[in-house]
Amino acid sequence: MSTTGAVEERVLPAAGAVHETWDVFICHSGADKPVARELSGWLERDGFKVFFDETSILPGDHITLRIADALEYTRLLLFLMSEASQQADWPLFELHTIWFGGSLNRDRRFVLLRLDDAPLRNVLRPFKYINWKPQDRQANYADVKQAVERVRGQPAAPREQTV
């Protein structure tokens, strides 16, 4: 509502509209929110544009559409891999959305950050991860930063699918 009491209408991007692009999307479970918050702060301080639900979804936003649009227009998804994230629906949905473009991760559009020693799902086992346990975070942040920098110059728009 505006100060005059009139309802302001929000318009979702139309086909062909310019979408907001992100350097990185932090995918996490609710249980891992404090870790995601800390990582988001580190990345933002280093000048990266970060999609983190807590700061990137505004009051009045359609949550599902905002997340779907961000996933489509992000350069890199960081999957905070933990027992909680492997059991929750949202993080796996977000990861599968990125996989839809190519499950072998040839473009390195996602990087796994391992938060604990929970057994990995079979689909995650082939991928090299970055240890992100509490004692490893500061030492391994350089690897995370390098992964984001590696894709920073790439287009964030979805790639054309060939059949």
N, C-alpha and C. Protein backbone atom coordinates (compact mmCIF):
# COMPACT_ATOMS: atom_id res chain seq x y z
N MET A 1 0.84 -1.18 0.00
CA MET A 1 0.00 0.00 0.00
C MET A 1 0.88 1.23 0.00
N SER A 2 0.44 2.22 -0.72
CA SER A 2 1.17 3.47 -0.71
C SER A 2 0.69 4.31 0.46
N THR A 3 1.31 5.47 0.65
CA THR A 3 0.92 6.33 1.77
C THR A 3 -0.46 6.92 1.57
N THR A 4 -0.97 6.90 0.33
CA THR A 4 -2.31 7.42 0.07
C THR A 4 -3.38 6.37 0.31
N GLY A 5 -2.96 5.15 0.58
CA GLY A 5 -3.91 4.07 0.82
C GLY A 5 -4.25 3.29 -0.43
N ALA A 6 -3.78 3.73 -1.59
CA ALA A 6 -4.05 3.01 -2.83
C ALA A 6 -3.17 1.76 -2.89
N VAL A 7 -3.71 0.72 -3.44
CA VAL A 7 -2.96 -0.53 -3.59
C VAL A 7 -2.09 -0.42 -4.83
N GLU A 8 -0.80 -0.69 -4.67
CA GLU A 8 0.12 -0.66 -5.80
C GLU A 8 0.22 -2.07 -6.38
N GLU A 9 0.05 -2.18 -7.68
CA GLU A 9 0.10 -3.48 -8.33
C GLU A 9 1.53 -3.80 -8.74
N ARG A 10 1.98 -5.00 -8.44
CA ARG A 10 3.30 -5.45 -8.88
C ARG A 10 3.11 -6.28 -10.13
N VAL A 11 3.93 -6.04 -11.10
CA VAL A 11 3.84 -6.76 -12.36
C VAL A 11 5.02 -7.70 -12.47
N LEU A 12 4.76 -8.96 -12.75
CA LEU A 12 5.82 -9.94 -12.97
C LEU A 12 6.42 -9.73 -14.34
N PRO A 13 7.69 -10.06 -14.54
CA PRO A 13 8.32 -9.88 -15.84
C PRO A 13 7.57 -10.61 -16.94
N ALA A 14 7.35 -9.94 -18.05
CA ALA A 14 6.68 -10.54 -19.20
C ALA A 14 7.72 -11.25 -20.05
N ALA A 15 7.23 -12.05 -20.99
CA ALA A 15 8.14 -12.73 -21.91
C ALA A 15 8.99 -11.69 -22.61
N GLY A 16 10.31 -11.93 -22.65
CA GLY A 16 11.21 -11.00 -23.29
C GLY A 16 11.67 -9.87 -22.38
N ALA A 17 11.14 -9.80 -21.18
CA ALA A 17 11.53 -8.75 -20.25
C ALA A 17 12.94 -9.02 -19.73
N VAL A 18 13.56 -7.97 -19.24
CA VAL A 18 14.88 -8.12 -18.65
C VAL A 18 14.70 -8.67 -17.24
N HIS A 19 15.36 -9.78 -16.96
CA HIS A 19 15.26 -10.42 -15.65
C HIS A 19 16.46 -10.02 -14.81
N GLU A 20 16.26 -10.05 -13.51
CA GLU A 20 17.36 -9.78 -12.60
C GLU A 20 18.30 -10.98 -12.65
N THR A 21 19.59 -10.72 -12.76
CA THR A 21 20.55 -11.81 -12.79
C THR A 21 21.34 -11.86 -11.49
N TRP A 22 21.82 -13.05 -11.19
CA TRP A 22 22.52 -13.31 -9.94
C TRP A 22 23.83 -14.03 -10.23
N ASP A 23 24.87 -13.69 -9.50
CA ASP A 23 26.12 -14.44 -9.61
C ASP A 23 25.95 -15.81 -8.96
N VAL A 24 25.25 -15.85 -7.83
CA VAL A 24 25.15 -17.09 -7.07
C VAL A 24 23.79 -17.18 -6.38
N PHE A 25 23.27 -18.39 -6.32
CA PHE A 25 22.03 -18.72 -5.61
C PHE A 25 22.43 -19.67 -4.50
N ILE A 26 22.09 -19.32 -3.26
CA ILE A 26 22.43 -20.20 -2.14
C ILE A 26 21.22 -21.08 -1.83
N CYS A 27 21.39 -22.37 -2.05
CA CYS A 27 20.35 -23.37 -1.85
C CYS A 27 20.61 -24.06 -0.51
N HIS A 28 19.63 -24.01 0.38
CA HIS A 28 19.83 -24.53 1.73
C HIS A 28 18.50 -24.96 2.34
N SER A 29 18.59 -25.73 3.39
CA SER A 29 17.39 -26.08 4.15
C SER A 29 17.20 -25.04 5.24
N GLY A 30 16.01 -24.99 5.81
CA GLY A 30 15.76 -24.07 6.92
C GLY A 30 16.69 -24.30 8.08
N ALA A 31 17.03 -25.56 8.33
CA ALA A 31 17.94 -25.88 9.44
C ALA A 31 19.34 -25.31 9.22
N ASP A 32 19.71 -25.08 7.96
CA ASP A 32 21.04 -24.57 7.63
C ASP A 32 21.04 -23.06 7.36
N LYS A 33 19.96 -22.39 7.70
CA LYS A 33 19.83 -20.94 7.44
C LYS A 33 20.98 -20.13 8.03
N PRO A 34 21.44 -20.37 9.27
CA PRO A 34 22.56 -19.57 9.79
C PRO A 34 23.84 -19.70 8.95
N VAL A 35 24.11 -20.88 8.44
CA VAL A 35 25.30 -21.08 7.59
C VAL A 35 25.11 -20.33 6.28
N ALA A 36 23.92 -20.41 5.70
CA ALA A 36 23.62 -19.71 4.45
C ALA A 36 23.73 -18.20 4.64
N ARG A 37 23.25 -17.70 5.76
CA ARG A 37 23.32 -16.27 6.06
C ARG A 37 24.77 -15.79 6.13
N GLU A 38 25.61 -16.56 6.82
CA GLU A 38 27.02 -16.19 6.94
C GLU A 38 27.70 -16.19 5.56
N LEU A 39 27.47 -17.23 4.78
CA LEU A 39 28.06 -17.34 3.45
C LEU A 39 27.59 -16.20 2.54
N SER A 40 26.32 -15.90 2.59
CA SER A 40 25.78 -14.80 1.79
C SER A 40 26.49 -13.49 2.13
N GLY A 41 26.70 -13.24 3.41
CA GLY A 41 27.40 -12.03 3.83
C GLY A 41 28.82 -11.97 3.30
N TRP A 42 29.53 -13.08 3.37
CA TRP A 42 30.91 -13.12 2.87
C TRP A 42 30.95 -12.82 1.37
N LEU A 43 30.05 -13.47 0.62
CA LEU A 43 30.03 -13.28 -0.83
C LEU A 43 29.64 -11.85 -1.21
N GLU A 44 28.65 -11.31 -0.53
CA GLU A 44 28.23 -9.94 -0.82
C GLU A 44 29.35 -8.95 -0.51
N ARG A 45 30.08 -9.16 0.57
CA ARG A 45 31.22 -8.28 0.91
C ARG A 45 32.30 -8.33 -0.17
N ASP A 46 32.39 -9.46 -0.87
CA ASP A 46 33.36 -9.58 -1.95
C ASP A 46 32.81 -9.11 -3.29
N GLY A 47 31.62 -8.51 -3.28
CA GLY A 47 31.07 -7.89 -4.48
C GLY A 47 30.21 -8.77 -5.36
N PHE A 48 29.85 -9.95 -4.90
CA PHE A 48 29.00 -10.83 -5.69
C PHE A 48 27.54 -10.51 -5.44
N LYS A 49 26.73 -10.70 -6.47
CA LYS A 49 25.29 -10.52 -6.35
C LYS A 49 24.70 -11.88 -5.96
N VAL A 50 24.17 -11.96 -4.74
CA VAL A 50 23.75 -13.23 -4.14
C VAL A 50 22.24 -13.29 -4.01
N PHE A 51 21.65 -14.41 -4.48
CA PHE A 51 20.25 -14.67 -4.19
C PHE A 51 20.22 -15.53 -2.93
N PHE A 52 19.72 -14.92 -1.87
CA PHE A 52 19.53 -15.60 -0.58
C PHE A 52 18.11 -15.27 -0.17
N ASP A 53 17.28 -16.27 0.05
CA ASP A 53 15.85 -16.06 0.26
C ASP A 53 15.53 -14.97 1.28
N GLU A 54 16.27 -14.93 2.35
CA GLU A 54 16.00 -13.99 3.43
C GLU A 54 16.10 -12.53 3.00
N THR A 55 17.00 -12.24 2.07
CA THR A 55 17.21 -10.86 1.64
C THR A 55 16.73 -10.59 0.22
N SER A 56 16.50 -11.63 -0.56
CA SER A 56 16.15 -11.45 -1.97
C SER A 56 14.67 -11.59 -2.27
N ILE A 57 13.92 -12.16 -1.35
CA ILE A 57 12.46 -12.27 -1.52
C ILE A 57 11.84 -11.21 -0.64
N LEU A 58 11.14 -10.28 -1.27
CA LEU A 58 10.58 -9.13 -0.56
C LEU A 58 9.12 -9.35 -0.21
N PRO A 59 8.62 -8.63 0.78
CA PRO A 59 7.19 -8.73 1.09
C PRO A 59 6.35 -8.45 -0.16
N GLY A 60 5.40 -9.31 -0.40
CA GLY A 60 4.54 -9.17 -1.58
C GLY A 60 5.00 -10.00 -2.76
N ASP A 61 6.24 -10.48 -2.74
CA ASP A 61 6.73 -11.33 -3.82
C ASP A 61 6.02 -12.67 -3.78
N HIS A 62 5.77 -13.24 -4.94
CA HIS A 62 5.28 -14.61 -5.04
C HIS A 62 6.51 -15.49 -4.85
N ILE A 63 6.61 -16.18 -3.75
CA ILE A 63 7.83 -16.89 -3.38
C ILE A 63 8.27 -17.88 -4.44
N THR A 64 7.37 -18.74 -4.88
CA THR A 64 7.74 -19.77 -5.85
C THR A 64 8.19 -19.16 -7.16
N LEU A 65 7.50 -18.13 -7.65
CA LEU A 65 7.89 -17.50 -8.91
C LEU A 65 9.22 -16.77 -8.77
N ARG A 66 9.44 -16.14 -7.63
CA ARG A 66 10.71 -15.42 -7.40
C ARG A 66 11.88 -16.40 -7.40
N ILE A 67 11.71 -17.53 -6.74
CA ILE A 67 12.76 -18.55 -6.71
C ILE A 67 12.98 -19.15 -8.09
N ALA A 68 11.91 -19.47 -8.79
CA ALA A 68 12.03 -20.06 -10.13
C ALA A 68 12.76 -19.11 -11.07
N ASP A 69 12.42 -17.82 -11.03
CA ASP A 69 13.07 -16.84 -11.88
C ASP A 69 14.56 -16.72 -11.52
N ALA A 70 14.85 -16.68 -10.23
CA ALA A 70 16.25 -16.58 -9.80
C ALA A 70 17.05 -17.81 -10.23
N LEU A 71 16.48 -18.99 -10.13
CA LEU A 71 17.17 -20.20 -10.56
C LEU A 71 17.47 -20.16 -12.05
N GLU A 72 16.55 -19.60 -12.81
CA GLU A 72 16.73 -19.54 -14.26
C GLU A 72 17.81 -18.53 -14.64
N TYR A 73 17.95 -17.48 -13.86
CA TYR A 73 18.87 -16.39 -14.20
C TYR A 73 20.01 -16.25 -13.19
N THR A 74 20.50 -17.36 -12.71
CA THR A 74 21.67 -17.35 -11.84
C THR A 74 22.82 -18.03 -12.54
N ARG A 75 24.01 -17.61 -12.22
CA ARG A 75 25.19 -18.20 -12.86
C ARG A 75 25.65 -19.47 -12.14
N LEU A 76 25.47 -19.52 -10.82
CA LEU A 76 25.97 -20.66 -10.05
C LEU A 76 25.08 -20.90 -8.84
N LEU A 77 24.73 -22.15 -8.63
CA LEU A 77 23.99 -22.54 -7.44
C LEU A 77 24.97 -23.19 -6.46
N LEU A 78 25.00 -22.69 -5.24
CA LEU A 78 25.77 -23.32 -4.17
C LEU A 78 24.79 -24.13 -3.35
N PHE A 79 24.94 -25.45 -3.36
CA PHE A 79 24.05 -26.34 -2.63
C PHE A 79 24.68 -26.66 -1.29
N LEU A 80 24.10 -26.16 -0.20
CA LEU A 80 24.58 -26.46 1.15
C LEU A 80 24.07 -27.84 1.51
N MET A 81 24.95 -28.80 1.36
CA MET A 81 24.61 -30.21 1.48
C MET A 81 24.76 -30.67 2.92
N SER A 82 23.66 -31.09 3.50
CA SER A 82 23.65 -31.59 4.87
C SER A 82 22.58 -32.67 4.98
N GLU A 83 22.53 -33.28 6.12
CA GLU A 83 21.45 -34.26 6.34
C GLU A 83 20.09 -33.58 6.16
N ALA A 84 19.96 -32.38 6.70
CA ALA A 84 18.69 -31.65 6.60
C ALA A 84 18.34 -31.30 5.15
N SER A 85 19.32 -30.83 4.37
CA SER A 85 19.01 -30.43 2.99
C SER A 85 18.70 -31.63 2.11
N GLN A 86 19.25 -32.79 2.42
CA GLN A 86 18.98 -33.98 1.63
C GLN A 86 17.61 -34.59 1.98
N GLN A 87 17.02 -34.15 3.07
CA GLN A 87 15.70 -34.64 3.47
C GLN A 87 14.58 -33.66 3.11
N ALA A 88 14.94 -32.39 2.93
CA ALA A 88 13.93 -31.35 2.67
C ALA A 88 13.57 -31.29 1.19
N ASP A 89 12.33 -30.89 0.90
CA ASP A 89 11.86 -30.82 -0.48
C ASP A 89 12.44 -29.64 -1.26
N TRP A 90 12.42 -28.44 -0.67
CA TRP A 90 12.83 -27.24 -1.41
C TRP A 90 14.26 -27.31 -1.93
N PRO A 91 15.26 -27.62 -1.11
CA PRO A 91 16.62 -27.65 -1.65
C PRO A 91 16.79 -28.64 -2.80
N LEU A 92 16.15 -29.79 -2.68
CA LEU A 92 16.27 -30.78 -3.76
C LEU A 92 15.55 -30.32 -5.02
N PHE A 93 14.41 -29.63 -4.85
CA PHE A 93 13.72 -29.05 -6.00
C PHE A 93 14.62 -28.04 -6.72
N GLU A 94 15.28 -27.17 -5.94
CA GLU A 94 16.15 -26.15 -6.53
C GLU A 94 17.33 -26.79 -7.25
N LEU A 95 17.92 -27.80 -6.65
CA LEU A 95 19.04 -28.50 -7.28
C LEU A 95 18.60 -29.19 -8.57
N HIS A 96 17.45 -29.84 -8.54
CA HIS A 96 16.95 -30.52 -9.74
C HIS A 96 16.61 -29.53 -10.84
N THR A 97 16.19 -28.34 -10.47
CA THR A 97 15.90 -27.30 -11.48
C THR A 97 17.16 -26.94 -12.24
N ILE A 98 18.27 -26.80 -11.54
CA ILE A 98 19.54 -26.51 -12.20
C ILE A 98 19.98 -27.71 -13.04
N TRP A 99 19.79 -28.92 -12.53
CA TRP A 99 20.17 -30.13 -13.25
C TRP A 99 19.43 -30.29 -14.56
N PHE A 100 18.22 -29.77 -14.63
CA PHE A 100 17.39 -29.95 -15.82
C PHE A 100 18.16 -29.52 -17.07
N GLY A 101 19.04 -28.53 -16.94
CA GLY A 101 19.83 -28.04 -18.07
C GLY A 101 20.99 -28.96 -18.42
N GLY A 102 21.31 -29.91 -17.59
CA GLY A 102 22.41 -30.82 -17.90
C GLY A 102 22.93 -31.48 -16.65
N SER A 103 22.54 -32.70 -16.41
CA SER A 103 22.81 -33.36 -15.14
C SER A 103 24.28 -33.72 -14.92
N LEU A 104 25.12 -33.61 -15.95
CA LEU A 104 26.53 -33.92 -15.76
C LEU A 104 27.32 -32.71 -15.26
N ASN A 105 26.68 -31.57 -15.14
CA ASN A 105 27.30 -30.36 -14.60
C ASN A 105 28.51 -29.93 -15.42
N ARG A 106 28.45 -30.09 -16.73
CA ARG A 106 29.59 -29.73 -17.58
C ARG A 106 29.87 -28.24 -17.52
N ASP A 107 28.84 -27.42 -17.35
CA ASP A 107 29.02 -25.97 -17.24
C ASP A 107 29.34 -25.53 -15.82
N ARG A 108 29.40 -26.48 -14.90
CA ARG A 108 29.65 -26.19 -13.48
C ARG A 108 28.68 -25.13 -12.97
N ARG A 109 27.40 -25.36 -13.20
CA ARG A 109 26.38 -24.41 -12.74
C ARG A 109 26.01 -24.65 -11.29
N PHE A 110 26.56 -25.66 -10.67
CA PHE A 110 26.35 -25.84 -9.24
C PHE A 110 27.61 -26.40 -8.59
N VAL A 111 27.75 -26.07 -7.32
CA VAL A 111 28.86 -26.56 -6.52
C VAL A 111 28.27 -27.01 -5.19
N LEU A 112 28.72 -28.16 -4.72
CA LEU A 112 28.24 -28.72 -3.47
C LEU A 112 29.16 -28.30 -2.33
N LEU A 113 28.57 -27.81 -1.25
CA LEU A 113 29.31 -27.48 -0.03
C LEU A 113 28.82 -28.43 1.05
N ARG A 114 29.69 -29.29 1.53
CA ARG A 114 29.31 -30.33 2.49
C ARG A 114 29.41 -29.82 3.92
N LEU A 115 28.26 -29.76 4.61
CA LEU A 115 28.19 -29.21 5.95
C LEU A 115 28.40 -30.23 7.05
N ASP A 116 28.16 -31.51 6.76
CA ASP A 116 28.28 -32.54 7.80
C ASP A 116 28.68 -33.87 7.17
N ASP A 117 28.68 -34.91 7.95
CA ASP A 117 29.11 -36.23 7.47
C ASP A 117 27.94 -37.13 7.10
N ALA A 118 26.78 -36.56 6.87
CA ALA A 118 25.63 -37.38 6.49
C ALA A 118 25.93 -38.12 5.20
N PRO A 119 25.46 -39.36 5.08
CA PRO A 119 25.67 -40.10 3.83
C PRO A 119 25.08 -39.33 2.66
N LEU A 120 25.78 -39.35 1.55
CA LEU A 120 25.33 -38.63 0.36
C LEU A 120 24.34 -39.47 -0.43
N ARG A 121 23.36 -38.81 -1.01
CA ARG A 121 22.46 -39.50 -1.92
C ARG A 121 23.27 -39.97 -3.12
N ASN A 122 22.84 -41.04 -3.74
CA ASN A 122 23.56 -41.60 -4.88
C ASN A 122 23.81 -40.58 -5.98
N VAL A 123 22.84 -39.72 -6.26
CA VAL A 123 22.99 -38.75 -7.35
C VAL A 123 24.04 -37.69 -7.05
N LEU A 124 24.40 -37.50 -5.78
CA LEU A 124 25.38 -36.49 -5.40
C LEU A 124 26.80 -37.03 -5.30
N ARG A 125 26.93 -38.35 -5.20
CA ARG A 125 28.24 -38.96 -4.98
C ARG A 125 29.28 -38.68 -6.08
N PRO A 126 28.90 -38.59 -7.36
CA PRO A 126 29.93 -38.39 -8.38
C PRO A 126 30.58 -37.00 -8.39
N PHE A 127 30.02 -36.04 -7.66
CA PHE A 127 30.48 -34.67 -7.75
C PHE A 127 31.45 -34.31 -6.62
N LYS A 128 32.55 -33.67 -7.00
CA LYS A 128 33.50 -33.19 -6.01
C LYS A 128 32.82 -32.05 -5.23
N TYR A 129 33.02 -32.05 -3.94
CA TYR A 129 32.41 -31.02 -3.10
C TYR A 129 33.50 -30.26 -2.36
N ILE A 130 33.08 -29.15 -1.76
CA ILE A 130 33.97 -28.37 -0.91
C ILE A 130 33.54 -28.63 0.53
N ASN A 131 34.49 -29.00 1.38
CA ASN A 131 34.16 -29.17 2.81
C ASN A 131 33.74 -27.83 3.38
N TRP A 132 32.58 -27.79 4.01
CA TRP A 132 32.06 -26.57 4.58
C TRP A 132 31.62 -26.81 6.03
N LYS A 133 32.35 -27.70 6.67
CA LYS A 133 32.11 -27.95 8.09
C LYS A 133 32.65 -26.74 8.86
N PRO A 134 32.16 -26.51 10.06
CA PRO A 134 32.55 -25.28 10.79
C PRO A 134 34.06 -25.02 10.82
N GLN A 135 34.85 -26.05 11.05
CA GLN A 135 36.29 -25.86 11.15
C GLN A 135 36.96 -25.59 9.80
N ASP A 136 36.26 -25.84 8.68
CA ASP A 136 36.84 -25.70 7.35
C ASP A 136 36.41 -24.44 6.60
N ARG A 137 35.42 -23.74 7.08
CA ARG A 137 34.80 -22.66 6.30
C ARG A 137 35.76 -21.55 5.91
N GLN A 138 36.46 -20.99 6.86
CA GLN A 138 37.36 -19.88 6.52
C GLN A 138 38.46 -20.33 5.57
N ALA A 139 39.04 -21.48 5.82
CA ALA A 139 40.13 -21.98 4.98
C ALA A 139 39.63 -22.29 3.56
N ASN A 140 38.41 -22.76 3.41
CA ASN A 140 37.90 -23.19 2.11
C ASN A 140 37.08 -22.12 1.39
N TYR A 141 36.92 -20.96 2.02
CA TYR A 141 36.16 -19.89 1.36
C TYR A 141 36.81 -19.49 0.03
N ALA A 142 38.13 -19.53 -0.05
CA ALA A 142 38.83 -19.18 -1.30
C ALA A 142 38.36 -20.08 -2.45
N ASP A 143 38.08 -21.36 -2.17
CA ASP A 143 37.60 -22.28 -3.20
C ASP A 143 36.19 -21.89 -3.66
N VAL A 144 35.35 -21.48 -2.71
CA VAL A 144 33.99 -21.05 -3.06
C VAL A 144 34.06 -19.79 -3.92
N LYS A 145 34.86 -18.85 -3.47
CA LYS A 145 35.01 -17.58 -4.21
C LYS A 145 35.52 -17.84 -5.63
N GLN A 146 36.48 -18.73 -5.77
CA GLN A 146 37.02 -19.06 -7.08
C GLN A 146 35.94 -19.68 -7.98
N ALA A 147 35.10 -20.53 -7.41
CA ALA A 147 34.02 -21.15 -8.19
C ALA A 147 33.05 -20.10 -8.71
N VAL A 148 32.74 -19.11 -7.88
CA VAL A 148 31.82 -18.05 -8.30
C VAL A 148 32.51 -17.16 -9.35
N GLU A 149 33.76 -16.83 -9.14
CA GLU A 149 34.49 -16.00 -10.10
C GLU A 149 34.61 -16.68 -11.46
N ARG A 150 34.75 -18.00 -11.46
CA ARG A 150 34.90 -18.76 -12.70
C ARG A 150 33.69 -18.60 -13.62
N VAL A 151 32.50 -18.46 -13.06
CA VAL A 151 31.29 -18.35 -13.89
C VAL A 151 30.77 -16.91 -13.99
N ARG A 152 31.41 -16.00 -13.29
CA ARG A 152 30.90 -14.63 -13.23
C ARG A 152 30.72 -14.00 -14.60
N GLY A 153 31.61 -14.21 -15.53
CA GLY A 153 31.51 -13.60 -16.85
C GLY A 153 30.57 -14.33 -17.80
N GLN A 154 30.05 -15.48 -17.39
CA GLN A 154 29.16 -16.24 -18.26
C GLN A 154 27.75 -15.66 -18.21
N PRO A 155 27.00 -15.86 -19.29
CA PRO A 155 25.61 -15.38 -19.27
C PRO A 155 24.79 -16.12 -18.22
N ALA A 156 23.89 -15.39 -17.58
CA ALA A 156 23.04 -16.02 -16.57
C ALA A 156 21.72 -16.49 -17.17
N ALA A 157 21.42 -16.04 -18.37
CA ALA A 157 20.18 -16.44 -19.01
C ALA A 157 20.23 -17.92 -19.35
N PRO A 158 19.08 -18.58 -19.38
CA PRO A 158 19.06 -20.01 -19.69
C PRO A 158 19.60 -20.27 -21.08
N ARG A 159 20.24 -21.42 -21.23
CA ARG A 159 20.78 -21.82 -22.52
C ARG A 159 19.68 -22.41 -23.39
N GLU A 160 19.86 -22.28 -24.68
CA GLU A 160 18.92 -22.89 -25.63
C GLU A 160 19.00 -24.41 -25.50
N GLN A 161 17.88 -25.07 -25.47
CA GLN A 161 17.87 -26.53 -25.41
C GLN A 161 17.82 -27.07 -26.85
N THR A 162 18.66 -28.03 -27.15
CA THR A 162 18.62 -28.67 -28.47
C THR A 162 18.06 -30.07 -28.30
N VAL A 163 17.35 -30.51 -29.29
CA VAL A 163 16.72 -31.82 -29.23
C VAL A 163 17.42 -32.77 -30.16
